[in-house]
PDB file of all heavy atoms in Angstrom:
ATOM      1  N   LEU A   1     -14.196  -5.137 -15.470  1.00  0.00           N
ATOM      2  CA  LEU A   1     -12.974  -4.300 -15.946  1.00  0.00           C
ATOM      3  C   LEU A   1     -12.545  -3.364 -14.841  1.00  0.00           C
ATOM      4  O   LEU A   1     -11.269  -3.238 -14.656  1.00  0.00           O
ATOM      5  CB  LEU A   1     -13.395  -3.563 -17.128  1.00  0.00           C
ATOM      6  CG  LEU A   1     -13.609  -4.349 -18.407  1.00  0.00           C
ATOM      7  CD1 LEU A   1     -14.099  -3.385 -19.619  1.00  0.00           C
ATOM      8  CD2 LEU A   1     -12.345  -4.966 -18.889  1.00  0.00           C
ATOM      9  N   ILE A   2     -13.344  -2.770 -14.097  1.00  0.00           N
ATOM     10  CA  ILE A   2     -12.991  -1.841 -13.036  1.00  0.00           C
ATOM     11  C   ILE A   2     -12.283  -2.736 -11.932  1.00  0.00           C
ATOM     12  O   ILE A   2     -11.107  -2.241 -11.425  1.00  0.00           O
ATOM     13  CB  ILE A   2     -14.274  -1.204 -12.335  1.00  0.00           C
ATOM     14  CG1 ILE A   2     -14.792  -0.199 -13.419  1.00  0.00           C
ATOM     15  CG2 ILE A   2     -13.819  -0.502 -11.026  1.00  0.00           C
ATOM     16  CD1 ILE A   2     -16.081   0.368 -12.966  1.00  0.00           C
ATOM     17  N   SER A   3     -12.694  -3.881 -11.589  1.00  0.00           N
ATOM     18  CA  SER A   3     -12.004  -4.686 -10.484  1.00  0.00           C
ATOM     19  C   SER A   3     -10.704  -5.126 -11.081  1.00  0.00           C
ATOM     20  O   SER A   3      -9.723  -5.129 -10.254  1.00  0.00           O
ATOM     21  CB  SER A   3     -12.895  -5.963 -10.408  1.00  0.00           C
ATOM     22  OG  SER A   3     -14.100  -5.653  -9.873  1.00  0.00           O
ATOM     23  N   ILE A   4     -10.485  -5.448 -12.264  1.00  0.00           N
ATOM     24  CA  ILE A   4      -9.230  -5.762 -12.888  1.00  0.00           C
ATOM     25  C   ILE A   4      -8.243  -4.668 -12.805  1.00  0.00           C
ATOM     26  O   ILE A   4      -7.024  -4.794 -12.332  1.00  0.00           O
ATOM     27  CB  ILE A   4      -9.319  -6.338 -14.388  1.00  0.00           C
ATOM     28  CG1 ILE A   4      -9.993  -7.726 -14.297  1.00  0.00           C
ATOM     29  CG2 ILE A   4      -7.907  -6.462 -14.934  1.00  0.00           C
ATOM     30  CD1 ILE A   4     -10.418  -8.217 -15.675  1.00  0.00           C
ATOM     31  N   ALA A   5      -8.764  -3.434 -13.315  1.00  0.00           N
ATOM     32  CA  ALA A   5      -7.905  -2.257 -13.211  1.00  0.00           C
ATOM     33  C   ALA A   5      -7.427  -2.031 -11.699  1.00  0.00           C
ATOM     34  O   ALA A   5      -6.206  -1.615 -11.435  1.00  0.00           O
ATOM     35  CB  ALA A   5      -8.638  -1.071 -13.832  1.00  0.00           C
ATOM     36  N   ALA A   6      -8.380  -2.143 -10.878  1.00  0.00           N
ATOM     37  CA  ALA A   6      -8.009  -1.813  -9.462  1.00  0.00           C
ATOM     38  C   ALA A   6      -6.980  -2.740  -8.866  1.00  0.00           C
ATOM     39  O   ALA A   6      -6.128  -2.518  -8.103  1.00  0.00           O
ATOM     40  CB  ALA A   6      -9.331  -1.914  -8.543  1.00  0.00           C
ATOM     41  N   PHE A   7      -7.137  -4.061  -9.378  1.00  0.00           N
ATOM     42  CA  PHE A   7      -6.204  -5.060  -8.938  1.00  0.00           C
ATOM     43  C   PHE A   7      -4.802  -4.807  -9.425  1.00  0.00           C
ATOM     44  O   PHE A   7      -3.835  -4.902  -8.634  1.00  0.00           O
ATOM     45  CB  PHE A   7      -6.664  -6.577  -9.356  1.00  0.00           C
ATOM     46  CG  PHE A   7      -5.674  -7.637  -9.056  1.00  0.00           C
ATOM     47  CD1 PHE A   7      -5.594  -8.105  -7.747  1.00  0.00           C
ATOM     48  CD2 PHE A   7      -4.837  -7.970  -9.982  1.00  0.00           C
ATOM     49  CE1 PHE A   7      -4.628  -9.039  -7.472  1.00  0.00           C
ATOM     50  CE2 PHE A   7      -3.961  -9.086  -9.820  1.00  0.00           C
ATOM     51  CZ  PHE A   7      -3.893  -9.530  -8.467  1.00  0.00           C
ATOM     52  N   ASN A   8      -4.781  -4.526 -10.603  1.00  0.00           N
ATOM     53  CA  ASN A   8      -3.379  -4.175 -11.358  1.00  0.00           C
ATOM     54  C   ASN A   8      -2.747  -3.014 -10.711  1.00  0.00           C
ATOM     55  O   ASN A   8      -1.637  -2.920 -10.436  1.00  0.00           O
ATOM     56  CB  ASN A   8      -3.597  -3.995 -12.868  1.00  0.00           C
ATOM     57  CG  ASN A   8      -3.952  -5.244 -13.568  1.00  0.00           C
ATOM     58  OD1 ASN A   8      -3.552  -6.352 -13.122  1.00  0.00           O
ATOM     59  ND2 ASN A   8      -4.624  -5.109 -14.668  1.00  0.00           N
ATOM     60  N   GLN A   9      -3.612  -2.013 -10.208  1.00  0.00           N
ATOM     61  CA  GLN A   9      -2.973  -0.860  -9.668  1.00  0.00           C
ATOM     62  C   GLN A   9      -2.477  -1.119  -8.331  1.00  0.00           C
ATOM     63  O   GLN A   9      -1.397  -0.689  -7.989  1.00  0.00           O
ATOM     64  CB  GLN A   9      -4.072   0.311  -9.673  1.00  0.00           C
ATOM     65  CG  GLN A   9      -3.603   1.695  -9.056  1.00  0.00           C
ATOM     66  CD  GLN A   9      -4.584   2.712  -9.077  1.00  0.00           C
ATOM     67  OE1 GLN A   9      -5.806   2.479  -9.452  1.00  0.00           O
ATOM     68  NE2 GLN A   9      -4.221   3.931  -8.721  1.00  0.00           N
ATOM     69  N   SER A  10      -3.246  -1.863  -7.535  1.00  0.00           N
ATOM     70  CA  SER A  10      -2.838  -2.209  -6.217  1.00  0.00           C
ATOM     71  C   SER A  10      -1.557  -3.048  -6.155  1.00  0.00           C
ATOM     72  O   SER A  10      -0.728  -3.055  -5.240  1.00  0.00           O
ATOM     73  CB  SER A  10      -3.943  -2.882  -5.429  1.00  0.00           C
ATOM     74  OG  SER A  10      -4.389  -4.131  -5.951  1.00  0.00           O
ATOM     75  N   ALA A  11      -1.470  -4.082  -7.292  1.00  0.00           N
ATOM     76  CA  ALA A  11      -0.509  -4.990  -7.374  1.00  0.00           C
ATOM     77  C   ALA A  11       0.788  -4.203  -7.674  1.00  0.00           C
ATOM     78  O   ALA A  11       1.919  -4.616  -7.230  1.00  0.00           O
ATOM     79  CB  ALA A  11      -0.834  -6.018  -8.445  1.00  0.00           C
ATOM     80  N   SER A  12       0.801  -3.171  -8.465  1.00  0.00           N
ATOM     81  CA  SER A  12       1.941  -2.500  -8.748  1.00  0.00           C
ATOM     82  C   SER A  12       2.413  -1.225  -7.878  1.00  0.00           C
ATOM     83  O   SER A  12       3.480  -0.750  -8.020  1.00  0.00           O
ATOM     84  CB  SER A  12       1.780  -1.766 -10.282  1.00  0.00           C
ATOM     85  OG  SER A  12       0.726  -0.870 -10.229  1.00  0.00           O
ATOM     86  N   ALA A  13       1.395  -1.076  -6.926  1.00  0.00           N
ATOM     87  CA  ALA A  13       1.812   0.188  -5.956  1.00  0.00           C
ATOM     88  C   ALA A  13       2.750  -0.398  -4.975  1.00  0.00           C
ATOM     89  O   ALA A  13       2.795  -1.570  -4.509  1.00  0.00           O
ATOM     90  CB  ALA A  13       0.462   0.529  -5.291  1.00  0.00           C
ATOM     91  N   PRO A  14       3.739   0.607  -4.569  1.00  0.00           N
ATOM     92  CA  PRO A  14       4.670   0.231  -3.628  1.00  0.00           C
ATOM     93  C   PRO A  14       4.134  -0.010  -2.305  1.00  0.00           C
ATOM     94  O   PRO A  14       3.581   0.848  -1.623  1.00  0.00           O
ATOM     95  CB  PRO A  14       5.570   1.500  -3.546  1.00  0.00           C
ATOM     96  CG  PRO A  14       5.317   2.181  -4.812  1.00  0.00           C
ATOM     97  CD  PRO A  14       3.885   1.835  -5.186  1.00  0.00           C
ATOM     98  N   VAL A  15       4.046  -1.344  -1.827  1.00  0.00           N
ATOM     99  CA  VAL A  15       3.461  -1.661  -0.559  1.00  0.00           C
ATOM    100  C   VAL A  15       4.572  -2.204   0.398  1.00  0.00           C
ATOM    101  O   VAL A  15       5.457  -2.972  -0.060  1.00  0.00           O
ATOM    102  CB  VAL A  15       2.428  -2.797  -0.754  1.00  0.00           C
ATOM    103  CG1 VAL A  15       1.738  -3.193   0.464  1.00  0.00           C
ATOM    104  CG2 VAL A  15       1.310  -2.361  -1.630  1.00  0.00           C
ATOM    105  N   SER A  16       4.568  -1.674   1.659  1.00  0.00           N
ATOM    106  CA  SER A  16       5.566  -2.170   2.655  1.00  0.00           C
ATOM    107  C   SER A  16       4.849  -2.418   3.880  1.00  0.00           C
ATOM    108  O   SER A  16       3.638  -1.934   4.143  1.00  0.00           O
ATOM    109  CB  SER A  16       6.712  -1.234   2.599  1.00  0.00           C
ATOM    110  OG  SER A  16       6.287  -0.117   3.229  1.00  0.00           O
ATOM    111  N   ASP A  17       5.589  -2.958   4.751  1.00  0.00           N
ATOM    112  CA  ASP A  17       5.083  -2.966   6.201  1.00  0.00           C
ATOM    113  C   ASP A  17       5.541  -1.728   7.152  1.00  0.00           C
ATOM    114  O   ASP A  17       5.857  -1.879   8.114  1.00  0.00           O
ATOM    115  CB  ASP A  17       5.631  -4.266   6.862  1.00  0.00           C
ATOM    116  CG  ASP A  17       5.103  -5.681   6.207  1.00  0.00           C
ATOM    117  OD1 ASP A  17       4.083  -5.416   5.697  1.00  0.00           O
ATOM    118  OD2 ASP A  17       5.804  -6.493   6.272  1.00  0.00           O
ATOM    119  N   LEU A  18       5.610  -0.627   6.387  1.00  0.00           N
ATOM    120  CA  LEU A  18       6.097   0.635   7.003  1.00  0.00           C
ATOM    121  C   LEU A  18       4.979   1.160   7.849  1.00  0.00           C
ATOM    122  O   LEU A  18       3.902   1.559   7.585  1.00  0.00           O
ATOM    123  CB  LEU A  18       6.357   1.604   5.883  1.00  0.00           C
ATOM    124  CG  LEU A  18       6.992   2.990   6.240  1.00  0.00           C
ATOM    125  CD1 LEU A  18       8.221   2.717   7.054  1.00  0.00           C
ATOM    126  CD2 LEU A  18       7.269   3.811   5.158  1.00  0.00           C
ATOM    127  N   GLN A  19       5.482   1.205   9.348  1.00  0.00           N
ATOM    128  CA  GLN A  19       4.647   1.678  10.323  1.00  0.00           C
ATOM    129  C   GLN A  19       5.432   2.380  11.323  1.00  0.00           C
ATOM    130  O   GLN A  19       6.497   2.101  11.702  1.00  0.00           O
ATOM    131  CB  GLN A  19       3.914   0.580  11.060  1.00  0.00           C
ATOM    132  CG  GLN A  19       3.019  -0.292  10.167  1.00  0.00           C
ATOM    133  CD  GLN A  19       2.332  -1.461  10.934  1.00  0.00           C
ATOM    134  OE1 GLN A  19       1.851  -1.270  12.115  1.00  0.00           O
ATOM    135  NE2 GLN A  19       2.385  -2.629  10.414  1.00  0.00           N
ATOM    136  N   TYR A  20       4.744   3.550  11.849  1.00  0.00           N
ATOM    137  CA  TYR A  20       5.445   4.379  12.832  1.00  0.00           C
ATOM    138  C   TYR A  20       4.535   4.517  14.009  1.00  0.00           C
ATOM    139  O   TYR A  20       3.284   4.231  14.024  1.00  0.00           O
ATOM    140  CB  TYR A  20       5.596   5.789  12.280  1.00  0.00           C
ATOM    141  CG  TYR A  20       6.365   5.945  10.952  1.00  0.00           C
ATOM    142  CD1 TYR A  20       5.669   6.107   9.763  1.00  0.00           C
ATOM    143  CD2 TYR A  20       7.751   5.858  10.930  1.00  0.00           C
ATOM    144  CE1 TYR A  20       6.411   6.253   8.786  1.00  0.00           C
ATOM    145  CE2 TYR A  20       8.419   5.952   9.698  1.00  0.00           C
ATOM    146  CZ  TYR A  20       7.670   6.209   8.567  1.00  0.00           C
ATOM    147  OH  TYR A  20       8.302   6.212   7.407  1.00  0.00           O
ATOM    148  N   THR A  21       5.101   4.789  15.188  1.00  0.00           N
ATOM    149  CA  THR A  21       4.344   4.986  16.465  1.00  0.00           C
ATOM    150  C   THR A  21       3.944   6.529  16.497  1.00  0.00           C
ATOM    151  O   THR A  21       4.623   7.412  15.682  1.00  0.00           O
ATOM    152  CB  THR A  21       5.102   4.606  17.663  1.00  0.00           C
ATOM    153  OG1 THR A  21       6.219   5.449  17.706  1.00  0.00           O
ATOM    154  CG2 THR A  21       5.582   3.190  17.628  1.00  0.00           C
ATOM    155  N   SER A  22       3.178   6.938  17.372  1.00  0.00           N
ATOM    156  CA  SER A  22       2.727   8.228  17.615  1.00  0.00           C
ATOM    157  C   SER A  22       3.882   9.157  17.950  1.00  0.00           C
ATOM    158  O   SER A  22       3.855  10.360  17.785  1.00  0.00           O
ATOM    159  CB  SER A  22       1.630   8.408  18.569  1.00  0.00           C
ATOM    160  OG  SER A  22       2.025   7.901  19.941  1.00  0.00           O
ATOM    161  N   ASP A  23       4.971   8.572  18.544  1.00  0.00           N
ATOM    162  CA  ASP A  23       6.140   9.426  18.922  1.00  0.00           C
ATOM    163  C   ASP A  23       7.267   9.458  17.932  1.00  0.00           C
ATOM    164  O   ASP A  23       8.405   9.746  18.414  1.00  0.00           O
ATOM    165  CB  ASP A  23       6.551   9.126  20.385  1.00  0.00           C
ATOM    166  CG  ASP A  23       6.998   7.609  20.520  1.00  0.00           C
ATOM    167  OD1 ASP A  23       6.632   6.727  19.581  1.00  0.00           O
ATOM    168  OD2 ASP A  23       7.454   7.181  21.520  1.00  0.00           O
ATOM    169  N   GLY A  24       7.029   8.871  16.808  1.00  0.00           N
ATOM    170  CA  GLY A  24       7.966   8.973  15.720  1.00  0.00           C
ATOM    171  C   GLY A  24       8.896   7.844  15.654  1.00  0.00           C
ATOM    172  O   GLY A  24       9.791   7.829  14.722  1.00  0.00           O
ATOM    173  N   LYS A  25       8.661   6.756  16.448  1.00  0.00           N
ATOM    174  CA  LYS A  25       9.549   5.490  16.327  1.00  0.00           C
ATOM    175  C   LYS A  25       9.055   4.694  15.059  1.00  0.00           C
ATOM    176  O   LYS A  25       7.923   4.765  14.662  1.00  0.00           O
ATOM    177  CB  LYS A  25       9.514   4.747  17.540  1.00  0.00           C
ATOM    178  CG  LYS A  25      10.099   5.454  18.718  1.00  0.00           C
ATOM    179  CD  LYS A  25      10.006   4.608  20.020  1.00  0.00           C
ATOM    180  CE  LYS A  25      10.573   5.198  21.220  1.00  0.00           C
ATOM    181  NZ  LYS A  25      11.998   5.496  21.135  1.00  0.00           N
ATOM    182  N   MET A  26       9.847   3.750  14.511  1.00  0.00           N
ATOM    183  CA  MET A  26       9.567   3.036  13.412  1.00  0.00           C
ATOM    184  C   MET A  26       9.337   1.573  13.976  1.00  0.00           C
ATOM    185  O   MET A  26      10.208   1.058  14.743  1.00  0.00           O
ATOM    186  CB  MET A  26      10.539   2.982  12.354  1.00  0.00           C
ATOM    187  CG  MET A  26      10.200   2.175  11.143  1.00  0.00           C
ATOM    188  SD  MET A  26      11.487   2.364   9.924  1.00  0.00           S
ATOM    189  CE  MET A  26      10.738   1.092   8.599  1.00  0.00           C
TER     190      MET A  26
END
């Protein structure tokens, strides 16, 4: 049940390929 809940939470969370460099570039 914990695994299923964790999967559902991760599946609904806003996930993107959003990454920045140390100097503020995207």
